Amino acid sequence: MPSLPSPLINGNVSVEGKEMSIQSWLKEVFNWSSVATYDFTVHKESGKTLSQLRQEYMNKQTEELT
C-alpha cells in the first residue's frame, strides 16, 4: 500500500519527504495517465471527497451572499 500524502499549504502534498501535486501522486498510485483528482481524493477525517467538500464550501459561500 502506498504511503498517504500529507497536505501542504501551497496545495501540493508531501509523500515520504517528496513534494508533488495531488494529481501526480494519484497518477503514480493508480498508474493512470490521468485522474479526476476531486473525485478520488478523500479527506481522511470527514470521509468526503474533495469534490464534496468543494460543493459544500460553494453552497456556504452562496448562502452567505444571500
Foldseek 3Di string as FASTA:
>chain_A
DAADWDADPVQWTAGPNDTDHQFVVVCVVVVDPGDDQQVPDADVPPRHGNVVVVVVVVVVVVVVVD
